[in-house]
Amino acid sequence: MDVTGTTYEDRGGEDAFKAIFDAHYQRLVLFADSFVLNTSAAEDIVQTIFTDLWQSGRWQDPSRATPAYLYAAVRNRCLNEIRHQNVRDTHNIRYVQAMLNVWDDGENGEALLEELKKSISRLPEQIRRTIELRYFHGKSIAETAEILHVSENTVKTHIKRGRATLKLTLGDVRVKIFLALVTLLAD
């Protein structure tokens, strides 16, 4: 129910959804921002909640459009984002440690990068494109699958095969450094 006493269901369709959105969007963004400490990320989270709500049609269920439901959905999405950020931070720390070890051993960073580029260019086309999308452009498994018009399992298989080939060519440590580097740059 909005401030005029009209229920959202009485408005019908897009008007009802817009009323729900207008009534809660700004406060939900502030709420999300208190978790993620990034206004842009908070806006993305809230927009995703509303997009999911619209696409699923759940907004028509009065129990799904309540402020309590919306705040819980935003909170849960924020906590997922924080967990995901913690995983990225852990990977970044491992990357820095690996890079320090390599440069302590006298490796030339530019030569290593050039060697990696050559090895990737020799991969079969689909595997090479999958590795580039996933690591150089930071695409998720699902996004990569959509771009290449293949299943997510095919993307996972291409990544596994590409990494295995690179490990044979370059050695395990160098591949881990490479993957950490491009993952860090993509984030």
N, C-alpha and C. Protein backbone atom coordinates (compact mmCIF):
# COMPACT_ATOMS: atom_id res chain seq x y z
N MET A 1 0.86 -1.18 0.00
CA MET A 1 0.00 0.00 0.00
C MET A 1 0.90 1.24 0.00
N ASP A 2 0.55 2.21 -0.82
CA ASP A 2 1.35 3.42 -0.86
C ASP A 2 0.78 4.47 0.10
N VAL A 3 1.35 5.66 0.09
CA VAL A 3 0.95 6.70 1.04
C VAL A 3 -0.47 7.20 0.81
N THR A 4 -1.03 6.98 -0.37
CA THR A 4 -2.41 7.43 -0.65
C THR A 4 -3.43 6.41 -0.21
N GLY A 5 -2.98 5.23 0.25
CA GLY A 5 -3.90 4.19 0.68
C GLY A 5 -4.28 3.24 -0.43
N THR A 6 -3.75 3.45 -1.64
CA THR A 6 -4.04 2.57 -2.77
C THR A 6 -3.08 1.39 -2.71
N THR A 7 -3.61 0.20 -2.87
CA THR A 7 -2.72 -0.96 -2.89
C THR A 7 -2.04 -1.03 -4.24
N TYR A 8 -0.85 -1.59 -4.25
CA TYR A 8 -0.09 -1.72 -5.50
C TYR A 8 -0.84 -2.57 -6.51
N GLU A 9 -1.56 -3.58 -6.02
CA GLU A 9 -2.29 -4.47 -6.92
C GLU A 9 -3.40 -3.72 -7.66
N ASP A 10 -3.99 -2.69 -7.01
CA ASP A 10 -5.08 -1.92 -7.63
C ASP A 10 -4.59 -1.13 -8.84
N ARG A 11 -3.33 -0.81 -8.89
CA ARG A 11 -2.80 0.00 -9.98
C ARG A 11 -2.59 -0.81 -11.25
N GLY A 12 -2.27 -2.09 -11.11
CA GLY A 12 -2.09 -2.96 -12.27
C GLY A 12 -0.77 -2.77 -12.98
N GLY A 13 -0.21 -3.89 -13.44
CA GLY A 13 0.95 -3.95 -14.32
C GLY A 13 2.11 -3.07 -13.98
N GLU A 14 2.57 -2.36 -15.01
CA GLU A 14 3.77 -1.56 -14.88
C GLU A 14 3.61 -0.43 -13.87
N ASP A 15 2.42 0.13 -13.79
CA ASP A 15 2.20 1.21 -12.83
C ASP A 15 2.41 0.73 -11.40
N ALA A 16 1.92 -0.47 -11.11
CA ALA A 16 2.09 -1.03 -9.77
C ALA A 16 3.57 -1.28 -9.48
N PHE A 17 4.27 -1.83 -10.45
CA PHE A 17 5.69 -2.09 -10.25
C PHE A 17 6.46 -0.78 -10.08
N LYS A 18 6.14 0.20 -10.91
CA LYS A 18 6.80 1.51 -10.80
C LYS A 18 6.54 2.13 -9.43
N ALA A 19 5.34 1.96 -8.91
CA ALA A 19 5.02 2.50 -7.58
C ALA A 19 5.87 1.83 -6.50
N ILE A 20 6.05 0.51 -6.62
CA ILE A 20 6.90 -0.21 -5.67
C ILE A 20 8.34 0.29 -5.79
N PHE A 21 8.82 0.40 -7.03
CA PHE A 21 10.18 0.87 -7.28
C PHE A 21 10.39 2.27 -6.71
N ASP A 22 9.49 3.19 -7.07
CA ASP A 22 9.62 4.57 -6.61
C ASP A 22 9.55 4.69 -5.08
N ALA A 23 8.75 3.86 -4.47
CA ALA A 23 8.58 3.94 -3.02
C ALA A 23 9.80 3.44 -2.25
N HIS A 24 10.58 2.55 -2.85
CA HIS A 24 11.63 1.89 -2.07
C HIS A 24 13.05 2.06 -2.61
N TYR A 25 13.22 2.45 -3.85
CA TYR A 25 14.54 2.43 -4.48
C TYR A 25 15.60 3.21 -3.70
N GLN A 26 15.37 4.48 -3.43
CA GLN A 26 16.39 5.31 -2.79
C GLN A 26 16.80 4.77 -1.42
N ARG A 27 15.82 4.36 -0.62
CA ARG A 27 16.15 3.84 0.71
C ARG A 27 16.90 2.52 0.62
N LEU A 28 16.54 1.69 -0.36
CA LEU A 28 17.26 0.42 -0.54
C LEU A 28 18.71 0.66 -0.97
N VAL A 29 18.93 1.67 -1.81
CA VAL A 29 20.30 1.99 -2.22
C VAL A 29 21.12 2.45 -1.01
N LEU A 30 20.54 3.29 -0.18
CA LEU A 30 21.25 3.73 1.04
C LEU A 30 21.54 2.55 1.95
N PHE A 31 20.56 1.65 2.07
CA PHE A 31 20.73 0.45 2.89
C PHE A 31 21.86 -0.42 2.33
N ALA A 32 21.86 -0.64 1.03
CA ALA A 32 22.90 -1.46 0.41
C ALA A 32 24.27 -0.79 0.55
N ASP A 33 24.30 0.53 0.39
CA ASP A 33 25.55 1.27 0.50
C ASP A 33 26.16 1.14 1.89
N SER A 34 25.32 0.98 2.91
CA SER A 34 25.84 0.80 4.27
C SER A 34 26.59 -0.53 4.41
N PHE A 35 26.30 -1.49 3.53
CA PHE A 35 27.01 -2.77 3.54
C PHE A 35 28.26 -2.73 2.67
N VAL A 36 28.09 -2.34 1.40
CA VAL A 36 29.17 -2.47 0.43
C VAL A 36 30.07 -1.25 0.35
N LEU A 37 29.63 -0.12 0.93
CA LEU A 37 30.42 1.11 0.98
C LEU A 37 30.85 1.59 -0.40
N ASN A 38 29.93 1.42 -1.35
CA ASN A 38 30.19 1.83 -2.72
C ASN A 38 28.83 2.12 -3.35
N THR A 39 28.55 3.38 -3.59
CA THR A 39 27.21 3.76 -4.08
C THR A 39 26.88 3.12 -5.42
N SER A 40 27.84 3.07 -6.31
CA SER A 40 27.61 2.47 -7.62
C SER A 40 27.26 0.98 -7.48
N ALA A 41 28.01 0.27 -6.65
CA ALA A 41 27.72 -1.16 -6.42
C ALA A 41 26.36 -1.32 -5.74
N ALA A 42 26.04 -0.42 -4.82
CA ALA A 42 24.75 -0.48 -4.13
C ALA A 42 23.61 -0.29 -5.13
N GLU A 43 23.76 0.67 -6.03
CA GLU A 43 22.73 0.88 -7.05
C GLU A 43 22.57 -0.35 -7.93
N ASP A 44 23.69 -0.96 -8.32
CA ASP A 44 23.64 -2.18 -9.14
C ASP A 44 22.90 -3.30 -8.42
N ILE A 45 23.18 -3.45 -7.14
CA ILE A 45 22.54 -4.50 -6.35
C ILE A 45 21.03 -4.28 -6.29
N VAL A 46 20.62 -3.08 -6.00
CA VAL A 46 19.18 -2.79 -5.89
C VAL A 46 18.51 -2.93 -7.26
N GLN A 47 19.15 -2.47 -8.30
CA GLN A 47 18.59 -2.62 -9.64
C GLN A 47 18.44 -4.10 -10.00
N THR A 48 19.42 -4.91 -9.61
CA THR A 48 19.34 -6.35 -9.87
C THR A 48 18.16 -6.97 -9.13
N ILE A 49 17.95 -6.55 -7.89
CA ILE A 49 16.81 -7.06 -7.11
C ILE A 49 15.50 -6.73 -7.83
N PHE A 50 15.36 -5.47 -8.26
CA PHE A 50 14.14 -5.08 -8.95
C PHE A 50 14.00 -5.76 -10.31
N THR A 51 15.10 -5.94 -11.01
CA THR A 51 15.04 -6.65 -12.30
C THR A 51 14.59 -8.08 -12.09
N ASP A 52 15.18 -8.76 -11.12
CA ASP A 52 14.78 -10.13 -10.82
C ASP A 52 13.31 -10.19 -10.41
N LEU A 53 12.89 -9.23 -9.61
CA LEU A 53 11.50 -9.18 -9.15
C LEU A 53 10.55 -9.02 -10.35
N TRP A 54 10.90 -8.13 -11.26
CA TRP A 54 10.06 -7.89 -12.44
C TRP A 54 10.03 -9.11 -13.35
N GLN A 55 11.22 -9.64 -13.68
CA GLN A 55 11.29 -10.75 -14.63
C GLN A 55 10.62 -12.00 -14.11
N SER A 56 10.66 -12.21 -12.83
CA SER A 56 10.05 -13.41 -12.26
C SER A 56 8.55 -13.25 -12.06
N GLY A 57 8.08 -12.01 -12.05
CA GLY A 57 6.66 -11.76 -11.80
C GLY A 57 6.30 -11.85 -10.32
N ARG A 58 7.32 -12.05 -9.46
CA ARG A 58 7.06 -12.19 -8.02
C ARG A 58 6.55 -10.90 -7.40
N TRP A 59 6.75 -9.77 -8.08
CA TRP A 59 6.29 -8.50 -7.52
C TRP A 59 4.77 -8.47 -7.40
N GLN A 60 4.10 -9.32 -8.17
CA GLN A 60 2.64 -9.36 -8.11
C GLN A 60 2.13 -10.06 -6.85
N ASP A 61 3.02 -10.82 -6.21
CA ASP A 61 2.69 -11.48 -4.95
C ASP A 61 2.93 -10.46 -3.83
N PRO A 62 1.87 -10.03 -3.14
CA PRO A 62 2.04 -8.98 -2.12
C PRO A 62 3.10 -9.31 -1.07
N SER A 63 3.31 -10.59 -0.77
CA SER A 63 4.32 -10.94 0.23
C SER A 63 5.74 -10.72 -0.30
N ARG A 64 5.91 -10.66 -1.62
CA ARG A 64 7.23 -10.46 -2.21
C ARG A 64 7.57 -8.99 -2.44
N ALA A 65 6.60 -8.13 -2.37
CA ALA A 65 6.84 -6.72 -2.63
C ALA A 65 6.83 -5.89 -1.36
N THR A 66 6.85 -6.55 -0.22
CA THR A 66 6.85 -5.82 1.04
C THR A 66 8.23 -5.24 1.31
N PRO A 67 8.29 -4.17 2.06
CA PRO A 67 9.60 -3.63 2.41
C PRO A 67 10.49 -4.68 3.10
N ALA A 68 9.92 -5.50 3.96
CA ALA A 68 10.72 -6.52 4.66
C ALA A 68 11.37 -7.47 3.66
N TYR A 69 10.62 -7.90 2.66
CA TYR A 69 11.17 -8.80 1.64
C TYR A 69 12.27 -8.09 0.85
N LEU A 70 12.02 -6.85 0.44
CA LEU A 70 12.99 -6.12 -0.37
C LEU A 70 14.28 -5.88 0.42
N TYR A 71 14.15 -5.49 1.67
CA TYR A 71 15.35 -5.25 2.49
C TYR A 71 16.13 -6.55 2.71
N ALA A 72 15.42 -7.65 2.93
CA ALA A 72 16.10 -8.94 3.12
C ALA A 72 16.82 -9.35 1.83
N ALA A 73 16.17 -9.15 0.69
CA ALA A 73 16.79 -9.50 -0.59
C ALA A 73 18.04 -8.66 -0.83
N VAL A 74 17.97 -7.37 -0.53
CA VAL A 74 19.12 -6.48 -0.70
C VAL A 74 20.24 -6.88 0.26
N ARG A 75 19.88 -7.13 1.52
CA ARG A 75 20.89 -7.55 2.50
C ARG A 75 21.61 -8.81 2.04
N ASN A 76 20.85 -9.80 1.59
CA ASN A 76 21.44 -11.06 1.15
C ASN A 76 22.34 -10.87 -0.06
N ARG A 77 21.91 -10.03 -0.99
CA ARG A 77 22.73 -9.77 -2.18
C ARG A 77 24.00 -9.04 -1.79
N CYS A 78 23.90 -8.11 -0.84
CA CYS A 78 25.09 -7.39 -0.36
C CYS A 78 26.07 -8.35 0.31
N LEU A 79 25.56 -9.25 1.13
CA LEU A 79 26.44 -10.21 1.80
C LEU A 79 27.12 -11.12 0.78
N ASN A 80 26.40 -11.51 -0.27
CA ASN A 80 27.02 -12.30 -1.34
C ASN A 80 28.13 -11.52 -2.03
N GLU A 81 27.88 -10.23 -2.27
CA GLU A 81 28.88 -9.38 -2.91
C GLU A 81 30.12 -9.24 -2.02
N ILE A 82 29.91 -9.09 -0.73
CA ILE A 82 31.03 -8.98 0.20
C ILE A 82 31.84 -10.28 0.22
N ARG A 83 31.14 -11.43 0.26
CA ARG A 83 31.84 -12.72 0.21
C ARG A 83 32.66 -12.84 -1.08
N HIS A 84 32.06 -12.45 -2.20
CA HIS A 84 32.74 -12.51 -3.48
C HIS A 84 33.97 -11.61 -3.48
N GLN A 85 33.85 -10.43 -2.89
CA GLN A 85 34.98 -9.51 -2.81
C GLN A 85 36.09 -10.10 -1.94
N ASN A 86 35.72 -10.78 -0.87
CA ASN A 86 36.73 -11.42 -0.02
C ASN A 86 37.50 -12.50 -0.78
N VAL A 87 36.80 -13.25 -1.62
CA VAL A 87 37.47 -14.26 -2.45
C VAL A 87 38.44 -13.58 -3.40
N ARG A 88 37.99 -12.49 -4.05
CA ARG A 88 38.87 -11.76 -4.96
C ARG A 88 40.09 -11.23 -4.22
N ASP A 89 39.88 -10.70 -3.01
CA ASP A 89 41.00 -10.18 -2.23
C ASP A 89 42.00 -11.29 -1.90
N THR A 90 41.50 -12.47 -1.56
CA THR A 90 42.38 -13.60 -1.27
C THR A 90 43.20 -13.96 -2.50
N HIS A 91 42.55 -13.98 -3.67
CA HIS A 91 43.28 -14.27 -4.91
C HIS A 91 44.34 -13.20 -5.19
N ASN A 92 43.99 -11.95 -4.93
CA ASN A 92 44.94 -10.86 -5.17
C ASN A 92 46.16 -10.99 -4.25
N ILE A 93 45.95 -11.38 -3.01
CA ILE A 93 47.06 -11.57 -2.08
C ILE A 93 47.96 -12.70 -2.56
N ARG A 94 47.34 -13.80 -3.00
CA ARG A 94 48.13 -14.92 -3.53
C ARG A 94 48.93 -14.49 -4.76
N TYR A 95 48.31 -13.68 -5.59
CA TYR A 95 48.99 -13.19 -6.79
C TYR A 95 50.23 -12.38 -6.40
N VAL A 96 50.07 -11.45 -5.49
CA VAL A 96 51.19 -10.61 -5.07
C VAL A 96 52.31 -11.47 -4.50
N GLN A 97 51.94 -12.45 -3.68
CA GLN A 97 52.96 -13.34 -3.11
C GLN A 97 53.70 -14.10 -4.21
N ALA A 98 52.95 -14.61 -5.19
CA ALA A 98 53.57 -15.36 -6.29
C ALA A 98 54.48 -14.45 -7.12
N MET A 99 54.02 -13.23 -7.38
CA MET A 99 54.83 -12.29 -8.16
C MET A 99 56.12 -11.94 -7.42
N LEU A 100 56.02 -11.74 -6.12
CA LEU A 100 57.22 -11.44 -5.34
C LEU A 100 58.21 -12.59 -5.41
N ASN A 101 57.69 -13.81 -5.35
CA ASN A 101 58.57 -14.99 -5.44
C ASN A 101 59.25 -15.06 -6.80
N VAL A 102 58.53 -14.79 -7.86
CA VAL A 102 59.10 -14.85 -9.20
C VAL A 102 60.18 -13.80 -9.38
N TRP A 103 59.87 -12.55 -8.99
CA TRP A 103 60.87 -11.50 -9.17
C TRP A 103 62.05 -11.67 -8.22
N ASP A 104 61.83 -12.28 -7.06
CA ASP A 104 62.95 -12.59 -6.17
C ASP A 104 63.88 -13.61 -6.80
N ASP A 105 63.31 -14.48 -7.64
CA ASP A 105 64.11 -15.49 -8.33
C ASP A 105 64.78 -14.95 -9.59
N GLY A 106 64.65 -13.65 -9.84
CA GLY A 106 65.33 -13.03 -10.97
C GLY A 106 64.58 -13.11 -12.29
N GLU A 107 63.30 -13.47 -12.29
CA GLU A 107 62.53 -13.53 -13.53
C GLU A 107 62.33 -12.13 -14.08
N ASN A 108 62.35 -12.02 -15.39
CA ASN A 108 62.07 -10.76 -16.07
C ASN A 108 60.57 -10.73 -16.37
N GLY A 109 59.85 -9.78 -15.80
CA GLY A 109 58.41 -9.70 -15.96
C GLY A 109 57.96 -9.53 -17.40
N GLU A 110 58.65 -8.68 -18.14
CA GLU A 110 58.27 -8.46 -19.54
C GLU A 110 58.50 -9.71 -20.37
N ALA A 111 59.58 -10.40 -20.13
CA ALA A 111 59.86 -11.64 -20.88
C ALA A 111 58.81 -12.70 -20.55
N LEU A 112 58.41 -12.78 -19.29
CA LEU A 112 57.39 -13.74 -18.87
C LEU A 112 56.06 -13.43 -19.56
N LEU A 113 55.68 -12.16 -19.58
CA LEU A 113 54.43 -11.77 -20.22
C LEU A 113 54.47 -12.08 -21.72
N GLU A 114 55.59 -11.81 -22.36
CA GLU A 114 55.73 -12.10 -23.79
C GLU A 114 55.63 -13.60 -24.05
N GLU A 115 56.24 -14.38 -23.22
CA GLU A 115 56.18 -15.84 -23.34
C GLU A 115 54.74 -16.34 -23.16
N LEU A 116 54.04 -15.76 -22.22
CA LEU A 116 52.64 -16.13 -21.99
C LEU A 116 51.78 -15.79 -23.20
N LYS A 117 51.96 -14.61 -23.76
CA LYS A 117 51.18 -14.20 -24.92
C LYS A 117 51.41 -15.15 -26.10
N LYS A 118 52.66 -15.53 -26.32
CA LYS A 118 52.97 -16.45 -27.42
C LYS A 118 52.30 -17.80 -27.20
N SER A 119 52.35 -18.28 -25.97
CA SER A 119 51.75 -19.58 -25.66
C SER A 119 50.24 -19.55 -25.85
N ILE A 120 49.62 -18.47 -25.45
CA ILE A 120 48.17 -18.35 -25.60
C ILE A 120 47.79 -18.28 -27.08
N SER A 121 48.58 -17.57 -27.86
CA SER A 121 48.27 -17.43 -29.29
C SER A 121 48.35 -18.79 -30.01
N ARG A 122 49.08 -19.73 -29.45
CA ARG A 122 49.20 -21.07 -30.06
C ARG A 122 48.09 -22.04 -29.65
N LEU A 123 47.24 -21.62 -28.73
CA LEU A 123 46.13 -22.48 -28.32
C LEU A 123 45.11 -22.59 -29.44
N PRO A 124 44.35 -23.69 -29.50
CA PRO A 124 43.26 -23.77 -30.48
C PRO A 124 42.31 -22.58 -30.32
N GLU A 125 41.73 -22.12 -31.43
CA GLU A 125 40.93 -20.88 -31.45
C GLU A 125 39.88 -20.80 -30.35
N GLN A 126 39.02 -21.82 -30.20
CA GLN A 126 37.94 -21.76 -29.21
C GLN A 126 38.51 -21.67 -27.80
N ILE A 127 39.53 -22.44 -27.54
CA ILE A 127 40.15 -22.43 -26.21
C ILE A 127 40.81 -21.07 -25.96
N ARG A 128 41.50 -20.56 -26.97
CA ARG A 128 42.16 -19.25 -26.84
C ARG A 128 41.12 -18.16 -26.57
N ARG A 129 40.03 -18.15 -27.33
CA ARG A 129 38.99 -17.14 -27.13
C ARG A 129 38.36 -17.26 -25.75
N THR A 130 38.15 -18.49 -25.30
CA THR A 130 37.58 -18.71 -23.96
C THR A 130 38.52 -18.16 -22.89
N ILE A 131 39.80 -18.47 -22.98
CA ILE A 131 40.79 -17.99 -22.01
C ILE A 131 40.84 -16.46 -22.03
N GLU A 132 40.84 -15.87 -23.22
CA GLU A 132 40.90 -14.41 -23.31
C GLU A 132 39.66 -13.75 -22.70
N LEU A 133 38.47 -14.27 -23.04
CA LEU A 133 37.25 -13.68 -22.47
C LEU A 133 37.21 -13.82 -20.96
N ARG A 134 37.58 -14.99 -20.49
CA ARG A 134 37.48 -15.29 -19.05
C ARG A 134 38.51 -14.50 -18.25
N TYR A 135 39.75 -14.48 -18.71
CA TYR A 135 40.81 -13.89 -17.90
C TYR A 135 41.18 -12.46 -18.31
N PHE A 136 41.23 -12.17 -19.60
CA PHE A 136 41.62 -10.82 -20.02
C PHE A 136 40.46 -9.83 -19.91
N HIS A 137 39.24 -10.32 -20.17
CA HIS A 137 38.09 -9.42 -20.14
C HIS A 137 37.23 -9.60 -18.90
N GLY A 138 37.61 -10.53 -18.02
CA GLY A 138 36.92 -10.70 -16.74
C GLY A 138 35.49 -11.21 -16.86
N LYS A 139 35.17 -11.89 -17.94
CA LYS A 139 33.80 -12.40 -18.12
C LYS A 139 33.58 -13.62 -17.23
N SER A 140 32.37 -13.77 -16.76
CA SER A 140 32.02 -14.95 -15.97
C SER A 140 31.88 -16.15 -16.90
N ILE A 141 31.75 -17.32 -16.31
CA ILE A 141 31.54 -18.53 -17.10
C ILE A 141 30.27 -18.38 -17.95
N ALA A 142 29.20 -17.89 -17.34
CA ALA A 142 27.93 -17.73 -18.05
C ALA A 142 28.05 -16.71 -19.19
N GLU A 143 28.70 -15.59 -18.91
CA GLU A 143 28.87 -14.56 -19.95
C GLU A 143 29.71 -15.08 -21.10
N THR A 144 30.77 -15.80 -20.78
CA THR A 144 31.64 -16.36 -21.81
C THR A 144 30.86 -17.35 -22.67
N ALA A 145 30.06 -18.19 -22.02
CA ALA A 145 29.25 -19.17 -22.76
C ALA A 145 28.29 -18.47 -23.70
N GLU A 146 27.67 -17.41 -23.23
CA GLU A 146 26.71 -16.67 -24.05
C GLU A 146 27.40 -16.03 -25.26
N ILE A 147 28.54 -15.42 -25.04
CA ILE A 147 29.27 -14.75 -26.12
C ILE A 147 29.71 -15.75 -27.19
N LEU A 148 30.18 -16.92 -26.74
CA LEU A 148 30.70 -17.93 -27.67
C LEU A 148 29.62 -18.87 -28.19
N HIS A 149 28.40 -18.71 -27.68
CA HIS A 149 27.27 -19.57 -28.09
C HIS A 149 27.56 -21.05 -27.82
N VAL A 150 28.06 -21.32 -26.62
CA VAL A 150 28.32 -22.69 -26.18
C VAL A 150 27.77 -22.84 -24.76
N SER A 151 27.74 -24.06 -24.26
CA SER A 151 27.24 -24.29 -22.91
C SER A 151 28.30 -23.88 -21.88
N GLU A 152 27.85 -23.70 -20.64
CA GLU A 152 28.77 -23.37 -19.56
C GLU A 152 29.77 -24.50 -19.34
N ASN A 153 29.32 -25.74 -19.49
CA ASN A 153 30.23 -26.88 -19.33
C ASN A 153 31.32 -26.87 -20.39
N THR A 154 30.98 -26.44 -21.61
CA THR A 154 31.99 -26.34 -22.67
C THR A 154 33.02 -25.29 -22.30
N VAL A 155 32.58 -24.17 -21.75
CA VAL A 155 33.51 -23.12 -21.33
C VAL A 155 34.45 -23.67 -20.25
N LYS A 156 33.88 -24.37 -19.27
CA LYS A 156 34.71 -24.95 -18.20
C LYS A 156 35.73 -25.93 -18.78
N THR A 157 35.31 -26.72 -19.75
CA THR A 157 36.22 -27.69 -20.38
C THR A 157 37.32 -26.97 -21.14
N HIS A 158 36.96 -25.91 -21.88
CA HIS A 158 37.98 -25.14 -22.61
C HIS A 158 38.98 -24.51 -21.66
N ILE A 159 38.51 -23.98 -20.56
CA ILE A 159 39.42 -23.37 -19.58
C ILE A 159 40.35 -24.43 -19.00
N LYS A 160 39.79 -25.57 -18.65
CA LYS A 160 40.61 -26.65 -18.08
C LYS A 160 41.67 -27.10 -19.08
N ARG A 161 41.27 -27.30 -20.33
CA ARG A 161 42.23 -27.73 -21.36
C ARG A 161 43.27 -26.65 -21.64
N GLY A 162 42.84 -25.40 -21.69
CA GLY A 162 43.77 -24.31 -21.94
C GLY A 162 44.80 -24.18 -20.83
N ARG A 163 44.33 -24.27 -19.60
CA ARG A 163 45.26 -24.19 -18.46
C ARG A 163 46.23 -25.36 -18.46
N ALA A 164 45.72 -26.54 -18.78
CA ALA A 164 46.60 -27.73 -18.82
C ALA A 164 47.67 -27.56 -19.89
N THR A 165 47.27 -27.07 -21.05
CA THR A 165 48.25 -26.86 -22.13
C THR A 165 49.28 -25.81 -21.74
N LEU A 166 48.83 -24.73 -21.14
CA LEU A 166 49.75 -23.68 -20.72
C LEU A 166 50.70 -24.19 -19.63
N LYS A 167 50.20 -25.03 -18.74
CA LYS A 167 51.07 -25.59 -17.69
C LYS A 167 52.17 -26.44 -18.31
N LEU A 168 51.82 -27.21 -19.33
CA LEU A 168 52.83 -28.03 -20.00
C LEU A 168 53.86 -27.15 -20.71
N THR A 169 53.39 -26.08 -21.31
CA THR A 169 54.26 -25.19 -22.06
C THR A 169 55.12 -24.31 -21.16
N LEU A 170 54.52 -23.77 -20.13
CA LEU A 170 55.19 -22.75 -19.33
C LEU A 170 55.62 -23.20 -17.94
N GLY A 171 55.00 -24.22 -17.42
CA GLY A 171 55.25 -24.63 -16.05
C GLY A 171 54.15 -24.12 -15.14
N ASP A 172 53.86 -24.85 -14.12
CA ASP A 172 52.73 -24.59 -13.23
C ASP A 172 52.79 -23.22 -12.57
N VAL A 173 53.94 -22.83 -12.06
CA VAL A 173 54.05 -21.56 -11.33
C VAL A 173 53.77 -20.39 -12.25
N ARG A 174 54.33 -20.42 -13.44
CA ARG A 174 54.13 -19.32 -14.38
C ARG A 174 52.66 -19.19 -14.78
N VAL A 175 51.97 -20.31 -14.98
CA VAL A 175 50.56 -20.25 -15.34
C VAL A 175 49.75 -19.65 -14.20
N LYS A 176 50.04 -20.06 -12.98
CA LYS A 176 49.32 -19.51 -11.83
C LYS A 176 49.54 -18.01 -11.73
N ILE A 177 50.75 -17.56 -11.96
CA ILE A 177 51.04 -16.13 -11.92
C ILE A 177 50.27 -15.42 -13.02
N PHE A 178 50.29 -15.99 -14.21
CA PHE A 178 49.57 -15.39 -15.33
C PHE A 178 48.09 -15.26 -15.03
N LEU A 179 47.48 -16.35 -14.58
CA LEU A 179 46.05 -16.34 -14.33
C LEU A 179 45.70 -15.37 -13.20
N ALA A 180 46.55 -15.30 -12.20
CA ALA A 180 46.32 -14.34 -11.11
C ALA A 180 46.45 -12.91 -11.63
N LEU A 181 47.42 -12.68 -12.49
CA LEU A 181 47.65 -11.35 -13.04
C LEU A 181 46.45 -10.89 -13.87
N VAL A 182 46.02 -11.71 -14.81
CA VAL A 182 44.93 -11.27 -15.68
C VAL A 182 43.61 -11.20 -14.92
N THR A 183 43.43 -12.06 -13.92
CA THR A 183 42.21 -11.97 -13.10
C THR A 183 42.23 -10.68 -12.31
N LEU A 184 43.37 -10.31 -11.77
CA LEU A 184 43.50 -9.07 -11.02
C LEU A 184 43.24 -7.87 -11.92
N LEU A 185 43.80 -7.89 -13.13
CA LEU A 185 43.63 -6.77 -14.06
C LEU A 185 42.19 -6.66 -14.52
N ALA A 186 41.48 -7.81 -14.65
CA ALA A 186 40.09 -7.80 -15.10
C ALA A 186 39.17 -7.23 -14.03
N ASP A 187 39.51 -7.41 -12.76
CA ASP A 187 38.68 -6.88 -11.67
C ASP A 187 38.89 -5.42 -11.57
